[in-house]
PDB file of N, CA and C in Angstrom:
ATOM      1  N   MET A   1       8.060 -19.301 -23.454  1.00  0.00           N
ATOM      2  CA  MET A   1       7.259 -19.468 -22.257  1.00  0.00           C
ATOM      3  C   MET A   1       6.328 -20.661 -22.438  1.00  0.00           C
ATOM      4  N   ALA A   2       6.086 -21.390 -21.377  1.00  0.00           N
ATOM      5  CA  ALA A   2       5.187 -22.541 -21.422  1.00  0.00           C
ATOM      6  C   ALA A   2       3.745 -22.038 -21.544  1.00  0.00           C
ATOM      7  N   LYS A   3       3.084 -22.450 -22.637  1.00  0.00           N
ATOM      8  CA  LYS A   3       1.738 -21.947 -22.899  1.00  0.00           C
ATOM      9  C   LYS A   3       0.983 -22.946 -23.766  1.00  0.00           C
ATOM     10  N   CYS A   4      -0.288 -23.174 -23.454  1.00  0.00           N
ATOM     11  CA  CYS A   4      -1.134 -24.052 -24.261  1.00  0.00           C
ATOM     12  C   CYS A   4      -1.429 -23.352 -25.584  1.00  0.00           C
ATOM     13  N   GLU A   5      -1.234 -24.067 -26.690  1.00  0.00           N
ATOM     14  CA  GLU A   5      -1.420 -23.456 -28.005  1.00  0.00           C
ATOM     15  C   GLU A   5      -2.890 -23.326 -28.391  1.00  0.00           C
ATOM     16  N   ARG A   6      -3.780 -23.978 -27.659  1.00  0.00           N
ATOM     17  CA  ARG A   6      -5.201 -23.928 -27.991  1.00  0.00           C
ATOM     18  C   ARG A   6      -5.954 -22.894 -27.149  1.00  0.00           C
ATOM     19  N   CYS A   7      -5.778 -22.939 -25.816  1.00  0.00           N
ATOM     20  CA  CYS A   7      -6.542 -22.051 -24.939  1.00  0.00           C
ATOM     21  C   CYS A   7      -5.704 -20.922 -24.349  1.00  0.00           C
ATOM     22  N   GLY A   8      -4.370 -21.002 -24.475  1.00  0.00           N
ATOM     23  CA  GLY A   8      -3.517 -19.934 -23.976  1.00  0.00           C
ATOM     24  C   GLY A   8      -3.216 -20.004 -22.487  1.00  0.00           C
ATOM     25  N   LYS A   9      -3.547 -21.129 -21.851  1.00  0.00           N
ATOM     26  CA  LYS A   9      -3.279 -21.274 -20.419  1.00  0.00           C
ATOM     27  C   LYS A   9      -1.777 -21.258 -20.184  1.00  0.00           C
ATOM     28  N   GLN A  10      -1.330 -20.495 -19.162  1.00  0.00           N
ATOM     29  CA  GLN A  10       0.085 -20.391 -18.869  1.00  0.00           C
ATOM     30  C   GLN A  10       0.300 -20.293 -17.366  1.00  0.00           C
ATOM     31  N   THR A  11       1.547 -20.163 -16.951  1.00  0.00           N
ATOM     32  CA  THR A  11       1.892 -20.110 -15.540  1.00  0.00           C
ATOM     33  C   THR A  11       1.258 -18.892 -14.889  1.00  0.00           C
ATOM     34  N   THR A  12       0.631 -19.117 -13.706  1.00  0.00           N
ATOM     35  CA  THR A  12       0.114 -18.018 -12.895  1.00  0.00           C
ATOM     36  C   THR A  12       0.851 -18.042 -11.564  1.00  0.00           C
ATOM     37  N   PHE A  13       0.737 -16.973 -10.806  1.00  0.00           N
ATOM     38  CA  PHE A  13       1.471 -16.869  -9.560  1.00  0.00           C
ATOM     39  C   PHE A  13       0.532 -16.646  -8.394  1.00  0.00           C
ATOM     40  N   GLY A  14       0.951 -17.159  -7.247  1.00  0.00           N
ATOM     41  CA  GLY A  14       0.183 -17.017  -6.024  1.00  0.00           C
ATOM     42  C   GLY A  14       1.130 -17.072  -4.840  1.00  0.00           C
ATOM     43  N   HIS A  15       0.619 -17.508  -3.691  1.00  0.00           N
ATOM     44  CA  HIS A  15       1.419 -17.557  -2.478  1.00  0.00           C
ATOM     45  C   HIS A  15       1.404 -18.945  -1.866  1.00  0.00           C
ATOM     46  N   SER A  16       2.557 -19.354  -1.338  1.00  0.00           N
ATOM     47  CA  SER A  16       2.632 -20.507  -0.443  1.00  0.00           C
ATOM     48  C   SER A  16       2.413 -19.958   0.957  1.00  0.00           C
ATOM     49  N   ARG A  17       1.641 -20.669   1.765  1.00  0.00           N
ATOM     50  CA  ARG A  17       1.387 -20.233   3.133  1.00  0.00           C
ATOM     51  C   ARG A  17       1.988 -21.228   4.103  1.00  0.00           C
ATOM     52  N   SER A  18       2.885 -20.754   4.967  1.00  0.00           N
ATOM     53  CA  SER A  18       3.476 -21.618   5.982  1.00  0.00           C
ATOM     54  C   SER A  18       2.521 -21.708   7.174  1.00  0.00           C
ATOM     55  N   PHE A  19       2.925 -22.478   8.173  1.00  0.00           N
ATOM     56  CA  PHE A  19       2.102 -22.631   9.380  1.00  0.00           C
ATOM     57  C   PHE A  19       1.890 -21.284  10.066  1.00  0.00           C
ATOM     58  N   SER A  20       2.885 -20.403   9.989  1.00  0.00           N
ATOM     59  CA  SER A  20       2.770 -19.076  10.610  1.00  0.00           C
ATOM     60  C   SER A  20       2.050 -18.077   9.698  1.00  0.00           C
ATOM     61  N   GLN A  21       1.528 -18.576   8.558  1.00  0.00           N
ATOM     62  CA  GLN A  21       0.794 -17.767   7.574  1.00  0.00           C
ATOM     63  C   GLN A  21       1.675 -16.737   6.865  1.00  0.00           C
ATOM     64  N   ARG A  22       2.977 -16.983   6.827  1.00  0.00           N
ATOM     65  CA  ARG A  22       3.880 -16.132   6.060  1.00  0.00           C
ATOM     66  C   ARG A  22       3.687 -16.466   4.582  1.00  0.00           C
ATOM     67  N   ALA A  23       3.530 -15.443   3.740  1.00  0.00           N
ATOM     68  CA  ALA A  23       3.270 -15.651   2.314  1.00  0.00           C
ATOM     69  C   ALA A  23       4.569 -15.535   1.525  1.00  0.00           C
ATOM     70  N   THR A  24       4.895 -16.572   0.754  1.00  0.00           N
ATOM     71  CA  THR A  24       6.026 -16.521  -0.167  1.00  0.00           C
ATOM     72  C   THR A  24       5.495 -16.828  -1.560  1.00  0.00           C
ATOM     73  N   ASN A  25       6.089 -16.200  -2.544  1.00  0.00           N
ATOM     74  CA  ASN A  25       5.602 -16.347  -3.912  1.00  0.00           C
ATOM     75  C   ASN A  25       5.884 -17.739  -4.454  1.00  0.00           C
ATOM     76  N   ARG A  26       4.969 -18.245  -5.258  1.00  0.00           N
ATOM     77  CA  ARG A  26       5.155 -19.548  -5.913  1.00  0.00           C
ATOM     78  C   ARG A  26       4.389 -19.561  -7.231  1.00  0.00           C
ATOM     79  N   PRO A  27       4.859 -20.346  -8.208  1.00  0.00           N
ATOM     80  CA  PRO A  27       4.157 -20.454  -9.484  1.00  0.00           C
ATOM     81  C   PRO A  27       3.174 -21.623  -9.489  1.00  0.00           C
ATOM     82  N   PHE A  28       2.108 -21.463 -10.234  1.00  0.00           N
ATOM     83  CA  PHE A  28       1.180 -22.552 -10.515  1.00  0.00           C
ATOM     84  C   PHE A  28       1.322 -22.869 -11.996  1.00  0.00           C
ATOM     85  N   HIS A  29       1.897 -24.046 -12.319  1.00  0.00           N
ATOM     86  CA  HIS A  29       2.154 -24.425 -13.705  1.00  0.00           C
ATOM     87  C   HIS A  29       0.993 -25.243 -14.252  1.00  0.00           C
ATOM     88  N   PRO A  30       0.566 -24.985 -15.504  1.00  0.00           N
ATOM     89  CA  PRO A  30      -0.453 -25.828 -16.124  1.00  0.00           C
ATOM     90  C   PRO A  30       0.142 -27.182 -16.505  1.00  0.00           C
ATOM     91  N   ASN A  31      -0.700 -28.183 -16.639  1.00  0.00           N
ATOM     92  CA  ASN A  31      -0.267 -29.536 -17.003  1.00  0.00           C
ATOM     93  C   ASN A  31      -0.147 -29.598 -18.524  1.00  0.00           C
ATOM     94  N   LEU A  32       1.018 -29.215 -19.043  1.00  0.00           N
ATOM     95  CA  LEU A  32       1.243 -29.158 -20.492  1.00  0.00           C
ATOM     96  C   LEU A  32       1.876 -30.448 -20.990  1.00  0.00           C
ATOM     97  N   GLN A  33       1.414 -30.911 -22.149  1.00  0.00           N
ATOM     98  CA  GLN A  33       1.897 -32.138 -22.765  1.00  0.00           C
ATOM     99  C   GLN A  33       2.187 -31.870 -24.239  1.00  0.00           C
ATOM    100  N   LYS A  34       3.210 -32.551 -24.776  1.00  0.00           N
ATOM    101  CA  LYS A  34       3.473 -32.491 -26.218  1.00  0.00           C
ATOM    102  C   LYS A  34       2.652 -33.592 -26.876  1.00  0.00           C
ATOM    103  N   VAL A  35       1.832 -33.223 -27.854  1.00  0.00           N
ATOM    104  CA  VAL A  35       0.902 -34.156 -28.482  1.00  0.00           C
ATOM    105  C   VAL A  35       1.050 -34.062 -29.993  1.00  0.00           C
ATOM    106  N   THR A  36       0.923 -35.185 -30.677  1.00  0.00           N
ATOM    107  CA  THR A  36       0.920 -35.202 -32.131  1.00  0.00           C
ATOM    108  C   THR A  36      -0.521 -35.297 -32.614  1.00  0.00           C
ATOM    109  N   LEU A  37      -0.934 -34.331 -33.440  1.00  0.00           N
ATOM    110  CA  LEU A  37      -2.295 -34.286 -33.981  1.00  0.00           C
ATOM    111  C   LEU A  37      -2.237 -34.346 -35.498  1.00  0.00           C
ATOM    112  N   PHE A  38      -3.354 -34.721 -36.109  1.00  0.00           N
ATOM    113  CA  PHE A  38      -3.487 -34.677 -37.556  1.00  0.00           C
ATOM    114  C   PHE A  38      -4.296 -33.446 -37.927  1.00  0.00           C
ATOM    115  N   GLU A  39      -3.649 -32.497 -38.636  1.00  0.00           N
ATOM    116  CA  GLU A  39      -4.329 -31.298 -39.113  1.00  0.00           C
ATOM    117  C   GLU A  39      -4.145 -31.223 -40.628  1.00  0.00           C
ATOM    118  N   ASN A  40      -5.239 -31.212 -41.344  1.00  0.00           N
ATOM    119  CA  ASN A  40      -5.223 -31.164 -42.817  1.00  0.00           C
ATOM    120  C   ASN A  40      -4.409 -32.313 -43.405  1.00  0.00           C
ATOM    121  N   GLY A  41      -4.515 -33.498 -42.793  1.00  0.00           N
ATOM    122  CA  GLY A  41      -3.831 -34.669 -43.288  1.00  0.00           C
ATOM    123  C   GLY A  41      -2.349 -34.751 -42.964  1.00  0.00           C
ATOM    124  N   ARG A  42      -1.854 -33.834 -42.123  1.00  0.00           N
ATOM    125  CA  ARG A  42      -0.448 -33.841 -41.753  1.00  0.00           C
ATOM    126  C   ARG A  42      -0.296 -34.026 -40.252  1.00  0.00           C
ATOM    127  N   LYS A  43       0.805 -34.648 -39.838  1.00  0.00           N
ATOM    128  CA  LYS A  43       1.114 -34.762 -38.418  1.00  0.00           C
ATOM    129  C   LYS A  43       1.702 -33.443 -37.939  1.00  0.00           C
ATOM    130  N   VAL A  44       1.154 -32.926 -36.832  1.00  0.00           N
ATOM    131  CA  VAL A  44       1.643 -31.675 -36.260  1.00  0.00           C
ATOM    132  C   VAL A  44       1.863 -31.883 -34.771  1.00  0.00           C
ATOM    133  N   LYS A  45       3.048 -31.503 -34.273  1.00  0.00           N
ATOM    134  CA  LYS A  45       3.303 -31.579 -32.838  1.00  0.00           C
ATOM    135  C   LYS A  45       2.911 -30.250 -32.202  1.00  0.00           C
ATOM    136  N   VAL A  46       2.076 -30.322 -31.178  1.00  0.00           N
ATOM    137  CA  VAL A  46       1.627 -29.124 -30.468  1.00  0.00           C
ATOM    138  C   VAL A  46       1.760 -29.348 -28.970  1.00  0.00           C
ATOM    139  N   VAL A  47       1.794 -28.241 -28.229  1.00  0.00           N
ATOM    140  CA  VAL A  47       1.826 -28.287 -26.776  1.00  0.00           C
ATOM    141  C   VAL A  47       0.437 -27.899 -26.287  1.00  0.00           C
ATOM    142  N   LEU A  48      -0.234 -28.833 -25.616  1.00  0.00           N
ATOM    143  CA  LEU A  48      -1.590 -28.605 -25.131  1.00  0.00           C
ATOM    144  C   LEU A  48      -1.684 -28.916 -23.650  1.00  0.00           C
ATOM    145  N   CYS A  49      -2.618 -28.262 -22.965  1.00  0.00           N
ATOM    146  CA  CYS A  49      -2.864 -28.596 -21.569  1.00  0.00           C
ATOM    147  C   CYS A  49      -3.748 -29.849 -21.522  1.00  0.00           C
ATOM    148  N   ALA A  50      -3.769 -30.501 -20.375  1.00  0.00           N
ATOM    149  CA  ALA A  50      -4.489 -31.761 -20.226  1.00  0.00           C
ATOM    150  C   ALA A  50      -5.978 -31.596 -20.519  1.00  0.00           C
ATOM    151  N   ARG A  51      -6.553 -30.470 -20.146  1.00  0.00           N
ATOM    152  CA  ARG A  51      -7.977 -30.249 -20.394  1.00  0.00           C
ATOM    153  C   ARG A  51      -8.276 -30.159 -21.887  1.00  0.00           C
ATOM    154  N   CYS A  52      -7.420 -29.495 -22.649  1.00  0.00           N
ATOM    155  CA  CYS A  52      -7.626 -29.389 -24.093  1.00  0.00           C
ATOM    156  C   CYS A  52      -7.475 -30.747 -24.771  1.00  0.00           C
ATOM    157  N   ILE A  53      -6.512 -31.563 -24.312  1.00  0.00           N
ATOM    158  CA  ILE A  53      -6.346 -32.901 -24.859  1.00  0.00           C
ATOM    159  C   ILE A  53      -7.602 -33.714 -24.611  1.00  0.00           C
ATOM    160  N   ARG A  54      -8.144 -33.612 -23.409  1.00  0.00           N
ATOM    161  CA  ARG A  54      -9.348 -34.349 -23.023  1.00  0.00           C
ATOM    162  C   ARG A  54     -10.537 -33.885 -23.871  1.00  0.00           C
ATOM    163  N   THR A  55     -10.674 -32.599 -24.065  1.00  0.00           N
ATOM    164  CA  THR A  55     -11.776 -32.059 -24.859  1.00  0.00           C
ATOM    165  C   THR A  55     -11.678 -32.502 -26.319  1.00  0.00           C
ATOM    166  N   LEU A  56     -10.453 -32.497 -26.879  1.00  0.00           N
ATOM    167  CA  LEU A  56     -10.267 -32.923 -28.266  1.00  0.00           C
ATOM    168  C   LEU A  56     -10.644 -34.385 -28.452  1.00  0.00           C
ATOM    169  N   SER A  57     -10.291 -35.229 -27.481  1.00  0.00           N
ATOM    170  CA  SER A  57     -10.612 -36.642 -27.613  1.00  0.00           C
ATOM    171  C   SER A  57     -12.117 -36.892 -27.497  1.00  0.00           C
ATOM    172  N   LYS A  58     -12.813 -36.014 -26.773  1.00  0.00           N
ATOM    173  CA  LYS A  58     -14.269 -36.151 -26.643  1.00  0.00           C
ATOM    174  C   LYS A  58     -14.982 -35.768 -27.939  1.00  0.00           C
ATOM    175  N   THR A  59     -14.471 -34.738 -28.642  1.00  0.00           N
ATOM    176  CA  THR A  59     -15.146 -34.239 -29.835  1.00  0.00           C
ATOM    177  C   THR A  59     -14.886 -35.103 -31.070  1.00  0.00           C
ATOM    178  N   LYS A  60     -13.813 -35.916 -31.050  1.00  0.00           N
ATOM    179  CA  LYS A  60     -13.497 -36.728 -32.232  1.00  0.00           C
ATOM    180  C   LYS A  60     -14.182 -38.064 -32.177  1.00  0.00           C
TER     181      LYS A  60
END
């Protein structure tokens, strides 16, 4: 399943609303990216959401 490895954000579900206000199910996908990070001196590939990537770049 698509999931952020840092915060656990994953697909949620809601409704699409047509002009007649008929509700049909639809998924809301997080903006997940594959990123290479350095952990303990090693390159590690992780899947992170855009917000976590942004937060990591701010703290470093």
